[in-house]
Amino acid sequence: LVAAGHEVWMDDPGNDDVGQDVGIPVGREHWEVIRREFATAHLVIGV
């Protein structure tokens, strides 16, 4: 999806070599971040 030009968020950045803001920042409540990201995304994909 990133290669196709999208900015894509997931809770674990893995090997994020494209410099997008992904993951759960240290000190932030996990569910709070997920809710914010899901609520503001144009599309949420469930694997």
All heavy atoms as atom14 arrays in JSON, in Angstrom:
{
  "sequence": "LVAAGHEVWMDDPGNDDVGQDVGIPVGREHWEVIRREFATAHLVIGV",
  "atom14_mask": [
    [1, 1, 1, 1, 1, 1, 1, 1, 0, 0, 0, 0, 0, 0],
    [1, 1, 1, 1, 1, 1, 1, 0, 0, 0, 0, 0, 0, 0],
    [1, 1, 1, 1, 1, 0, 0, 0, 0, 0, 0, 0, 0, 0],
    [1, 1, 1, 1, 1, 0, 0, 0, 0, 0, 0, 0, 0, 0],
    [1, 1, 1, 1, 0, 0, 0, 0, 0, 0, 0, 0, 0, 0],
    [1, 1, 1, 1, 1, 1, 1, 1, 1, 1, 0, 0, 0, 0],
    [1, 1, 1, 1, 1, 1, 1, 1, 1, 0, 0, 0, 0, 0],
    [1, 1, 1, 1, 1, 1, 1, 0, 0, 0, 0, 0, 0, 0],
    [1, 1, 1, 1, 1, 1, 1, 1, 1, 1, 1, 1, 1, 1],
    [1, 1, 1, 1, 1, 1, 1, 1, 0, 0, 0, 0, 0, 0],
    [1, 1, 1, 1, 1, 1, 1, 1, 0, 0, 0, 0, 0, 0],
    [1, 1, 1, 1, 1, 1, 1, 1, 0, 0, 0, 0, 0, 0],
    [1, 1, 1, 1, 1, 1, 1, 0, 0, 0, 0, 0, 0, 0],
    [1, 1, 1, 1, 0, 0, 0, 0, 0, 0, 0, 0, 0, 0],
    [1, 1, 1, 1, 1, 1, 1, 1, 0, 0, 0, 0, 0, 0],
    [1, 1, 1, 1, 1, 1, 1, 1, 0, 0, 0, 0, 0, 0],
    [1, 1, 1, 1, 1, 1, 1, 1, 0, 0, 0, 0, 0, 0],
    [1, 1, 1, 1, 1, 1, 1, 0, 0, 0, 0, 0, 0, 0],
    [1, 1, 1, 1, 0, 0, 0, 0, 0, 0, 0, 0, 0, 0],
    [1, 1, 1, 1, 1, 1, 1, 1, 1, 0, 0, 0, 0, 0],
    [1, 1, 1, 1, 1, 1, 1, 1, 0, 0, 0, 0, 0, 0],
    [1, 1, 1, 1, 1, 1, 1, 0, 0, 0, 0, 0, 0, 0],
    [1, 1, 1, 1, 0, 0, 0, 0, 0, 0, 0, 0, 0, 0],
    [1, 1, 1, 1, 1, 1, 1, 1, 0, 0, 0, 0, 0, 0],
    [1, 1, 1, 1, 1, 1, 1, 0, 0, 0, 0, 0, 0, 0],
    [1, 1, 1, 1, 1, 1, 1, 0, 0, 0, 0, 0, 0, 0],
    [1, 1, 1, 1, 0, 0, 0, 0, 0, 0, 0, 0, 0, 0],
    [1, 1, 1, 1, 1, 1, 1, 1, 1, 1, 1, 0, 0, 0],
    [1, 1, 1, 1, 1, 1, 1, 1, 1, 0, 0, 0, 0, 0],
    [1, 1, 1, 1, 1, 1, 1, 1, 1, 1, 0, 0, 0, 0],
    [1, 1, 1, 1, 1, 1, 1, 1, 1, 1, 1, 1, 1, 1],
    [1, 1, 1, 1, 1, 1, 1, 1, 1, 0, 0, 0, 0, 0],
    [1, 1, 1, 1, 1, 1, 1, 0, 0, 0, 0, 0, 0, 0],
    [1, 1, 1, 1, 1, 1, 1, 1, 0, 0, 0, 0, 0, 0],
    [1, 1, 1, 1, 1, 1, 1, 1, 1, 1, 1, 0, 0, 0],
    [1, 1, 1, 1, 1, 1, 1, 1, 1, 1, 1, 0, 0, 0],
    [1, 1, 1, 1, 1, 1, 1, 1, 1, 0, 0, 0, 0, 0],
    [1, 1, 1, 1, 1, 1, 1, 1, 1, 1, 1, 0, 0, 0],
    [1, 1, 1, 1, 1, 0, 0, 0, 0, 0, 0, 0, 0, 0],
    [1, 1, 1, 1, 1, 1, 1, 0, 0, 0, 0, 0, 0, 0],
    [1, 1, 1, 1, 1, 0, 0, 0, 0, 0, 0, 0, 0, 0],
    [1, 1, 1, 1, 1, 1, 1, 1, 1, 1, 0, 0, 0, 0],
    [1, 1, 1, 1, 1, 1, 1, 1, 0, 0, 0, 0, 0, 0],
    [1, 1, 1, 1, 1, 1, 1, 0, 0, 0, 0, 0, 0, 0],
    [1, 1, 1, 1, 1, 1, 1, 1, 0, 0, 0, 0, 0, 0],
    [1, 1, 1, 1, 0, 0, 0, 0, 0, 0, 0, 0, 0, 0],
    [1, 1, 1, 1, 1, 1, 1, 0, 0, 0, 0, 0, 0, 0]
  ],
  "atom14_positions": [
    [[0.82, -1.21, 0.0], [0.0, 0.0, 0.0], [0.86, 1.26, 0.0], [0.54, 2.24, -0.69], [-0.95, -0.01, 1.2], [-2.06, -1.06, 1.15], [-2.73, -1.19, 2.51], [-3.07, -0.71, 0.06], [0.0, 0.0, 0.0], [0.0, 0.0, 0.0], [0.0, 0.0, 0.0], [0.0, 0.0, 0.0], [0.0, 0.0, 0.0], [0.0, 0.0, 0.0]],
    [[1.95, 1.25, 0.75], [2.87, 2.39, 0.77], [3.5, 2.56, -0.62], [3.6, 3.68, -1.13], [3.95, 2.23, 1.87], [5.07, 3.25, 1.69], [3.32, 2.36, 3.25], [0.0, 0.0, 0.0], [0.0, 0.0, 0.0], [0.0, 0.0, 0.0], [0.0, 0.0, 0.0], [0.0, 0.0, 0.0], [0.0, 0.0, 0.0], [0.0, 0.0, 0.0]],
    [[3.88, 1.46, -1.25], [4.46, 1.53, -2.6], [3.47, 2.11, -3.6], [3.87, 2.74, -4.59], [4.92, 0.14, -3.05], [0.0, 0.0, 0.0], [0.0, 0.0, 0.0], [0.0, 0.0, 0.0], [0.0, 0.0, 0.0], [0.0, 0.0, 0.0], [0.0, 0.0, 0.0], [0.0, 0.0, 0.0], [0.0, 0.0, 0.0], [0.0, 0.0, 0.0]],
    [[2.17, 1.94, -3.32], [1.12, 2.48, -4.2], [0.81, 3.95, -3.87], [-0.07, 4.54, -4.48], [-0.14, 1.64, -4.09], [0.0, 0.0, 0.0], [0.0, 0.0, 0.0], [0.0, 0.0, 0.0], [0.0, 0.0, 0.0], [0.0, 0.0, 0.0], [0.0, 0.0, 0.0], [0.0, 0.0, 0.0], [0.0, 0.0, 0.0], [0.0, 0.0, 0.0]],
    [[1.53, 4.5, -2.9], [1.38, 5.93, -2.6], [0.52, 6.29, -1.41], [0.23, 7.46, -1.18], [0.0, 0.0, 0.0], [0.0, 0.0, 0.0], [0.0, 0.0, 0.0], [0.0, 0.0, 0.0], [0.0, 0.0, 0.0], [0.0, 0.0, 0.0], [0.0, 0.0, 0.0], [0.0, 0.0, 0.0], [0.0, 0.0, 0.0], [0.0, 0.0, 0.0]],
    [[0.14, 5.31, -0.61], [-0.71, 5.56, 0.55], [0.12, 5.73, 1.82], [1.18, 5.12, 1.96], [-1.7, 4.41, 0.77], [-2.61, 4.21, -0.39], [-3.68, 5.03, -0.65], [-2.58, 3.28, -1.39], [-4.28, 4.61, -1.75], [-3.63, 3.55, -2.22], [0.0, 0.0, 0.0], [0.0, 0.0, 0.0], [0.0, 0.0, 0.0], [0.0, 0.0, 0.0]],
    [[-0.39, 6.51, 2.75], [0.19, 6.56, 4.09], [-0.6, 5.55, 4.91], [-1.83, 5.63, 5.0], [0.07, 7.94, 4.69], [0.79, 8.05, 6.01], [0.88, 9.45, 6.54], [0.77, 10.4, 5.75], [1.04, 9.59, 7.76], [0.0, 0.0, 0.0], [0.0, 0.0, 0.0], [0.0, 0.0, 0.0], [0.0, 0.0, 0.0], [0.0, 0.0, 0.0]],
    [[0.1, 4.58, 5.49], [-0.55, 3.45, 6.14], [-0.06, 3.32, 7.57], [1.14, 3.25, 7.83], [-0.27, 2.13, 5.37], [-1.0, 0.97, 6.02], [-0.67, 2.28, 3.9], [0.0, 0.0, 0.0], [0.0, 0.0, 0.0], [0.0, 0.0, 0.0], [0.0, 0.0, 0.0], [0.0, 0.0, 0.0], [0.0, 0.0, 0.0], [0.0, 0.0, 0.0]],
    [[-1.02, 3.23, 8.51], [-0.7, 3.08, 9.93], [-1.01, 1.67, 10.39], [-2.01, 1.07, 10.0], [-1.53, 4.05, 10.77], [-1.19, 3.98, 12.22], [-0.2, 4.68, 12.86], [-1.8, 3.16, 13.21], [-0.17, 4.34, 14.18], [-1.15, 3.4, 14.43], [-2.84, 2.24, 13.18], [-1.49, 2.76, 15.61], [-3.19, 1.58, 14.35], [-2.51, 1.86, 15.55]],
    [[-0.12, 1.13, 11.21], [-0.39, -0.09, 11.96], [0.32, 0.05, 13.3], [1.24, 0.86, 13.43], [0.01, -1.35, 11.2], [1.41, -1.4, 10.69], [1.71, -2.77, 9.53], [1.75, -4.17, 10.62], [0.0, 0.0, 0.0], [0.0, 0.0, 0.0], [0.0, 0.0, 0.0], [0.0, 0.0, 0.0], [0.0, 0.0, 0.0], [0.0, 0.0, 0.0]],
    [[-0.13, -0.69, 14.31], [0.36, -0.43, 15.66], [1.8, -0.84, 15.9], [2.41, -0.41, 16.87], [-0.56, -1.06, 16.7], [-0.57, -2.58, 16.69], [-0.06, -3.17, 15.72], [-1.1, -3.17, 17.64], [0.0, 0.0, 0.0], [0.0, 0.0, 0.0], [0.0, 0.0, 0.0], [0.0, 0.0, 0.0], [0.0, 0.0, 0.0], [0.0, 0.0, 0.0]],
    [[2.37, -1.64, 15.06], [3.77, -2.03, 15.18], [4.49, -1.66, 13.9], [4.15, -2.16, 12.83], [3.87, -3.54, 15.43], [5.29, -4.0, 15.66], [6.25, -3.24, 15.44], [5.46, -5.17, 16.06], [0.0, 0.0, 0.0], [0.0, 0.0, 0.0], [0.0, 0.0, 0.0], [0.0, 0.0, 0.0], [0.0, 0.0, 0.0], [0.0, 0.0, 0.0]],
    [[5.47, -0.78, 13.97], [6.11, -0.32, 12.75], [6.94, -1.37, 12.03], [7.26, -1.2, 10.86], [7.0, 0.83, 13.22], [7.26, 0.55, 14.64], [6.02, -0.16, 15.15], [0.0, 0.0, 0.0], [0.0, 0.0, 0.0], [0.0, 0.0, 0.0], [0.0, 0.0, 0.0], [0.0, 0.0, 0.0], [0.0, 0.0, 0.0], [0.0, 0.0, 0.0]],
    [[7.25, -2.47, 12.69], [8.08, -3.49, 12.03], [9.37, -2.86, 11.55], [10.01, -2.13, 12.29], [0.0, 0.0, 0.0], [0.0, 0.0, 0.0], [0.0, 0.0, 0.0], [0.0, 0.0, 0.0], [0.0, 0.0, 0.0], [0.0, 0.0, 0.0], [0.0, 0.0, 0.0], [0.0, 0.0, 0.0], [0.0, 0.0, 0.0], [0.0, 0.0, 0.0]],
    [[9.71, -3.11, 10.33], [10.9, -2.5, 9.73], [10.48, -1.3, 8.9], [10.51, -1.34, 7.68], [11.64, -3.53, 8.85], [12.16, -4.69, 9.66], [12.64, -4.5, 10.76], [12.04, -5.88, 9.13], [0.0, 0.0, 0.0], [0.0, 0.0, 0.0], [0.0, 0.0, 0.0], [0.0, 0.0, 0.0], [0.0, 0.0, 0.0], [0.0, 0.0, 0.0]],
    [[10.06, -0.23, 9.57], [9.56, 0.95, 8.87], [10.71, 1.71, 8.25], [11.41, 2.45, 8.91], [8.77, 1.85, 9.82], [8.2, 3.05, 9.09], [7.82, 2.89, 7.91], [8.14, 4.13, 9.68], [0.0, 0.0, 0.0], [0.0, 0.0, 0.0], [0.0, 0.0, 0.0], [0.0, 0.0, 0.0], [0.0, 0.0, 0.0], [0.0, 0.0, 0.0]],
    [[10.89, 1.51, 6.97], [11.96, 2.21, 6.27], [11.43, 3.3, 5.35], [12.16, 3.83, 4.54], [12.83, 1.22, 5.49], [12.03, 0.41, 4.48], [10.8, 0.58, 4.4], [12.65, -0.39, 3.77], [0.0, 0.0, 0.0], [0.0, 0.0, 0.0], [0.0, 0.0, 0.0], [0.0, 0.0, 0.0], [0.0, 0.0, 0.0], [0.0, 0.0, 0.0]],
    [[10.15, 3.64, 5.49], [9.58, 4.69, 4.64], [9.31, 5.96, 5.41], [8.84, 6.94, 4.84], [8.29, 4.2, 3.93], [8.61, 3.07, 2.97], [7.23, 3.8, 4.92], [0.0, 0.0, 0.0], [0.0, 0.0, 0.0], [0.0, 0.0, 0.0], [0.0, 0.0, 0.0], [0.0, 0.0, 0.0], [0.0, 0.0, 0.0], [0.0, 0.0, 0.0]],
    [[9.61, 5.97, 6.71], [9.52, 7.18, 7.49], [8.11, 7.66, 7.82], [7.92, 8.82, 8.15], [0.0, 0.0, 0.0], [0.0, 0.0, 0.0], [0.0, 0.0, 0.0], [0.0, 0.0, 0.0], [0.0, 0.0, 0.0], [0.0, 0.0, 0.0], [0.0, 0.0, 0.0], [0.0, 0.0, 0.0], [0.0, 0.0, 0.0], [0.0, 0.0, 0.0]],
    [[7.13, 6.79, 7.73], [5.78, 7.18, 8.1], [5.6, 7.05, 9.61], [6.28, 6.26, 10.26], [4.75, 6.33, 7.35], [4.76, 6.6, 5.87], [3.64, 5.86, 5.13], [2.88, 5.12, 5.7], [3.58, 6.09, 3.84], [0.0, 0.0, 0.0], [0.0, 0.0, 0.0], [0.0, 0.0, 0.0], [0.0, 0.0, 0.0], [0.0, 0.0, 0.0]],
    [[4.68, 7.82, 10.16], [4.41, 7.81, 11.59], [3.53, 6.62, 11.94], [2.31, 6.68, 11.79], [3.73, 9.12, 11.98], [3.52, 9.25, 13.47], [4.22, 8.57, 14.23], [2.66, 10.06, 13.86], [0.0, 0.0, 0.0], [0.0, 0.0, 0.0], [0.0, 0.0, 0.0], [0.0, 0.0, 0.0], [0.0, 0.0, 0.0], [0.0, 0.0, 0.0]],
    [[4.14, 5.52, 12.36], [3.41, 4.31, 12.71], [3.8, 3.87, 14.1], [4.79, 4.32, 14.65], [3.66, 3.16, 11.7], [3.12, 3.51, 10.33], [5.13, 2.83, 11.61], [0.0, 0.0, 0.0], [0.0, 0.0, 0.0], [0.0, 0.0, 0.0], [0.0, 0.0, 0.0], [0.0, 0.0, 0.0], [0.0, 0.0, 0.0], [0.0, 0.0, 0.0]],
    [[3.03, 2.96, 14.64], [3.34, 2.41, 15.95], [2.65, 3.15, 17.07], [1.94, 4.13, 16.87], [0.0, 0.0, 0.0], [0.0, 0.0, 0.0], [0.0, 0.0, 0.0], [0.0, 0.0, 0.0], [0.0, 0.0, 0.0], [0.0, 0.0, 0.0], [0.0, 0.0, 0.0], [0.0, 0.0, 0.0], [0.0, 0.0, 0.0], [0.0, 0.0, 0.0]],
    [[2.84, 2.65, 18.27], [2.3, 3.25, 19.48], [3.45, 3.99, 20.17], [4.42, 3.36, 20.58], [1.72, 2.18, 20.44], [0.7, 1.28, 19.74], [1.15, 2.83, 21.69], [-0.59, 1.94, 19.35], [0.0, 0.0, 0.0], [0.0, 0.0, 0.0], [0.0, 0.0, 0.0], [0.0, 0.0, 0.0], [0.0, 0.0, 0.0], [0.0, 0.0, 0.0]],
    [[3.37, 5.31, 20.28], [4.46, 6.04, 20.94], [4.64, 5.61, 22.4], [3.66, 5.29, 23.08], [3.99, 7.5, 20.87], [2.99, 7.55, 19.76], [2.33, 6.19, 19.76], [0.0, 0.0, 0.0], [0.0, 0.0, 0.0], [0.0, 0.0, 0.0], [0.0, 0.0, 0.0], [0.0, 0.0, 0.0], [0.0, 0.0, 0.0], [0.0, 0.0, 0.0]],
    [[5.86, 5.61, 22.85], [6.17, 5.25, 24.23], [5.39, 6.17, 25.16], [5.33, 7.38, 24.96], [7.68, 5.37, 24.49], [8.0, 5.15, 25.96], [8.45, 4.4, 23.61], [0.0, 0.0, 0.0], [0.0, 0.0, 0.0], [0.0, 0.0, 0.0], [0.0, 0.0, 0.0], [0.0, 0.0, 0.0], [0.0, 0.0, 0.0], [0.0, 0.0, 0.0]],
    [[4.76, 5.56, 26.16], [4.01, 6.33, 27.15], [2.56, 6.61, 26.78], [1.83, 7.18, 27.57], [0.0, 0.0, 0.0], [0.0, 0.0, 0.0], [0.0, 0.0, 0.0], [0.0, 0.0, 0.0], [0.0, 0.0, 0.0], [0.0, 0.0, 0.0], [0.0, 0.0, 0.0], [0.0, 0.0, 0.0], [0.0, 0.0, 0.0], [0.0, 0.0, 0.0]],
    [[2.15, 6.22, 25.6], [0.76, 6.45, 25.18], [-0.06, 5.19, 25.42], [0.44, 4.08, 25.29], [0.71, 6.8, 23.68], [1.38, 8.09, 23.31], [0.65, 9.33, 23.83], [-0.73, 9.4, 23.43], [-1.17, 9.92, 22.29], [-0.34, 10.39, 21.4], [-2.46, 9.95, 22.03], [0.0, 0.0, 0.0], [0.0, 0.0, 0.0], [0.0, 0.0, 0.0]],
    [[-1.33, 5.37, 25.76], [-2.23, 4.26, 25.98], [-2.59, 3.63, 24.64], [-3.01, 4.32, 23.71], [-3.48, 4.77, 26.72], [-4.28, 3.68, 27.39], [-5.25, 3.0, 26.45], [-5.9, 3.7, 25.66], [-5.36, 1.77, 26.49], [0.0, 0.0, 0.0], [0.0, 0.0, 0.0], [0.0, 0.0, 0.0], [0.0, 0.0, 0.0], [0.0, 0.0, 0.0]],
    [[-2.37, 2.33, 24.53], [-2.51, 1.59, 23.28], [-3.86, 1.82, 22.61], [-3.94, 2.19, 21.44], [-2.29, 0.1, 23.6], [-1.98, -0.74, 22.42], [-2.86, -1.65, 21.92], [-0.88, -0.81, 21.63], [-2.32, -2.26, 20.88], [-1.13, -1.77, 20.69], [0.0, 0.0, 0.0], [0.0, 0.0, 0.0], [0.0, 0.0, 0.0], [0.0, 0.0, 0.0]],
    [[-4.95, 1.59, 23.33], [-6.28, 1.69, 22.74], [-6.6, 3.12, 22.31], [-7.25, 3.35, 21.3], [-7.32, 1.13, 23.7], [-8.71, 1.17, 23.15], [-9.77, 1.84, 23.66], [-9.2, 0.56, 21.95], [-10.88, 1.67, 22.87], [-10.55, 0.89, 21.81], [-8.61, -0.25, 20.98], [-11.33, 0.45, 20.75], [-9.4, -0.69, 19.92], [-10.73, -0.34, 19.81]],
    [[-6.14, 4.1, 23.07], [-6.36, 5.51, 22.72], [-5.76, 5.82, 21.34], [-6.39, 6.47, 20.51], [-5.72, 6.4, 23.78], [-5.7, 7.87, 23.46], [-4.85, 8.65, 24.44], [-4.98, 8.41, 25.66], [-4.05, 9.48, 23.99], [0.0, 0.0, 0.0], [0.0, 0.0, 0.0], [0.0, 0.0, 0.0], [0.0, 0.0, 0.0], [0.0, 0.0, 0.0]],
    [[-4.56, 5.35, 21.11], [-3.89, 5.6, 19.83], [-4.61, 4.86, 18.7], [-4.86, 5.42, 17.63], [-2.4, 5.18, 19.89], [-1.74, 5.32, 18.52], [-1.66, 6.01, 20.93], [0.0, 0.0, 0.0], [0.0, 0.0, 0.0], [0.0, 0.0, 0.0], [0.0, 0.0, 0.0], [0.0, 0.0, 0.0], [0.0, 0.0, 0.0], [0.0, 0.0, 0.0]],
    [[-4.97, 3.61, 18.91], [-5.67, 2.83, 17.88], [-7.0, 3.5, 17.52], [-7.31, 3.67, 16.35], [-5.9, 1.37, 18.35], [-4.56, 0.63, 18.38], [-6.89, 0.65, 17.43], [-4.63, -0.73, 19.02], [0.0, 0.0, 0.0], [0.0, 0.0, 0.0], [0.0, 0.0, 0.0], [0.0, 0.0, 0.0], [0.0, 0.0, 0.0], [0.0, 0.0, 0.0]],
    [[-7.76, 3.89, 18.52], [-9.05, 4.56, 18.24], [-8.85, 5.83, 17.42], [-9.58, 6.08, 16.47], [-9.76, 4.9, 19.55], [-10.44, 3.71, 20.15], [-11.27, 4.03, 21.36], [-11.7, 5.43, 21.38], [-12.25, 6.02, 22.42], [-12.42, 5.35, 23.52], [-12.62, 7.26, 22.38], [0.0, 0.0, 0.0], [0.0, 0.0, 0.0], [0.0, 0.0, 0.0]],
    [[-7.86, 6.63, 17.78], [-7.6, 7.86, 17.04], [-7.22, 7.56, 15.58], [-7.74, 8.17, 14.65], [-6.49, 8.68, 17.7], [-6.25, 10.02, 16.99], [-5.01, 10.74, 17.46], [-3.86, 10.04, 16.91], [-2.78, 9.71, 17.59], [-2.68, 9.98, 18.87], [-1.77, 9.09, 17.02], [0.0, 0.0, 0.0], [0.0, 0.0, 0.0], [0.0, 0.0, 0.0]],
    [[-6.34, 6.6, 15.39], [-5.89, 6.26, 14.04], [-7.02, 5.68, 13.2], [-7.18, 6.02, 12.04], [-4.69, 5.32, 14.08], [-3.44, 5.93, 14.66], [-2.88, 7.09, 13.86], [-3.12, 7.19, 12.63], [-2.17, 7.93, 14.45], [0.0, 0.0, 0.0], [0.0, 0.0, 0.0], [0.0, 0.0, 0.0], [0.0, 0.0, 0.0], [0.0, 0.0, 0.0]],
    [[-7.83, 4.8, 13.79], [-8.96, 4.21, 13.06], [-10.0, 5.27, 12.74], [-10.59, 5.26, 11.66], [-9.59, 3.08, 13.86], [-8.83, 1.77, 13.82], [-7.52, 1.7, 13.41], [-9.44, 0.61, 14.23], [-6.84, 0.5, 13.39], [-8.78, -0.61, 14.21], [-7.47, -0.66, 13.78], [0.0, 0.0, 0.0], [0.0, 0.0, 0.0], [0.0, 0.0, 0.0]],
    [[-10.26, 6.17, 13.66], [-11.29, 7.2, 13.46], [-10.9, 8.21, 12.39], [-11.77, 8.75, 11.71], [-11.57, 7.92, 14.78], [0.0, 0.0, 0.0], [0.0, 0.0, 0.0], [0.0, 0.0, 0.0], [0.0, 0.0, 0.0], [0.0, 0.0, 0.0], [0.0, 0.0, 0.0], [0.0, 0.0, 0.0], [0.0, 0.0, 0.0], [0.0, 0.0, 0.0]],
    [[-9.62, 8.45, 12.21], [-9.19, 9.46, 11.24], [-8.77, 8.89, 9.89], [-8.62, 9.64, 8.94], [-8.04, 10.32, 11.82], [-6.95, 9.46, 12.17], [-8.52, 11.09, 13.05], [0.0, 0.0, 0.0], [0.0, 0.0, 0.0], [0.0, 0.0, 0.0], [0.0, 0.0, 0.0], [0.0, 0.0, 0.0], [0.0, 0.0, 0.0], [0.0, 0.0, 0.0]],
    [[-8.59, 7.58, 9.82], [-8.22, 6.96, 8.54], [-9.41, 7.0, 7.59], [-10.56, 6.94, 8.01], [-7.77, 5.51, 8.76], [0.0, 0.0, 0.0], [0.0, 0.0, 0.0], [0.0, 0.0, 0.0], [0.0, 0.0, 0.0], [0.0, 0.0, 0.0], [0.0, 0.0, 0.0], [0.0, 0.0, 0.0], [0.0, 0.0, 0.0], [0.0, 0.0, 0.0]],
    [[-9.12, 7.06, 6.31], [-10.18, 6.99, 5.31], [-10.69, 5.55, 5.16], [-11.83, 5.33, 4.76], [-9.68, 7.49, 3.95], [-9.28, 8.92, 3.97], [-10.19, 9.95, 4.08], [-8.06, 9.5, 3.92], [-9.54, 11.1, 4.09], [-8.25, 10.85, 4.0], [0.0, 0.0, 0.0], [0.0, 0.0, 0.0], [0.0, 0.0, 0.0], [0.0, 0.0, 0.0]],
    [[-9.82, 4.59, 5.47], [-10.14, 3.18, 5.31], [-9.42, 2.38, 6.39], [-8.24, 2.64, 6.66], [-9.69, 2.69, 3.92], [-9.83, 1.21, 3.59], [-11.3, 0.83, 3.49], [-9.11, 0.9, 2.29], [0.0, 0.0, 0.0], [0.0, 0.0, 0.0], [0.0, 0.0, 0.0], [0.0, 0.0, 0.0], [0.0, 0.0, 0.0], [0.0, 0.0, 0.0]],
    [[-10.12, 1.45, 7.02], [-9.5, 0.51, 7.96], [-9.62, -0.88, 7.34], [-10.72, -1.31, 6.99], [-10.17, 0.54, 9.34], [-9.55, -0.52, 10.26], [-10.07, 1.93, 9.96], [0.0, 0.0, 0.0], [0.0, 0.0, 0.0], [0.0, 0.0, 0.0], [0.0, 0.0, 0.0], [0.0, 0.0, 0.0], [0.0, 0.0, 0.0], [0.0, 0.0, 0.0]],
    [[-8.49, -1.54, 7.21], [-8.46, -2.89, 6.63], [-8.21, -3.88, 7.75], [-7.25, -3.74, 8.51], [-7.36, -3.02, 5.57], [-7.63, -2.08, 4.41], [-7.24, -4.48, 5.1], [-6.5, -2.02, 3.39], [0.0, 0.0, 0.0], [0.0, 0.0, 0.0], [0.0, 0.0, 0.0], [0.0, 0.0, 0.0], [0.0, 0.0, 0.0], [0.0, 0.0, 0.0]],
    [[-9.05, -4.89, 7.86], [-8.84, -5.99, 8.8], [-8.24, -7.16, 8.06], [-8.8, -7.62, 7.07], [0.0, 0.0, 0.0], [0.0, 0.0, 0.0], [0.0, 0.0, 0.0], [0.0, 0.0, 0.0], [0.0, 0.0, 0.0], [0.0, 0.0, 0.0], [0.0, 0.0, 0.0], [0.0, 0.0, 0.0], [0.0, 0.0, 0.0], [0.0, 0.0, 0.0]],
    [[-7.09, -7.63, 8.52], [-6.47, -8.82, 7.95], [-7.17, -10.0, 8.6], [-6.79, -10.49, 9.66], [-4.94, -8.83, 8.2], [-4.31, -10.07, 7.59], [-4.3, -7.57, 7.63], [0.0, 0.0, 0.0], [0.0, 0.0, 0.0], [0.0, 0.0, 0.0], [0.0, 0.0, 0.0], [0.0, 0.0, 0.0], [0.0, 0.0, 0.0], [0.0, 0.0, 0.0]]
  ]
}
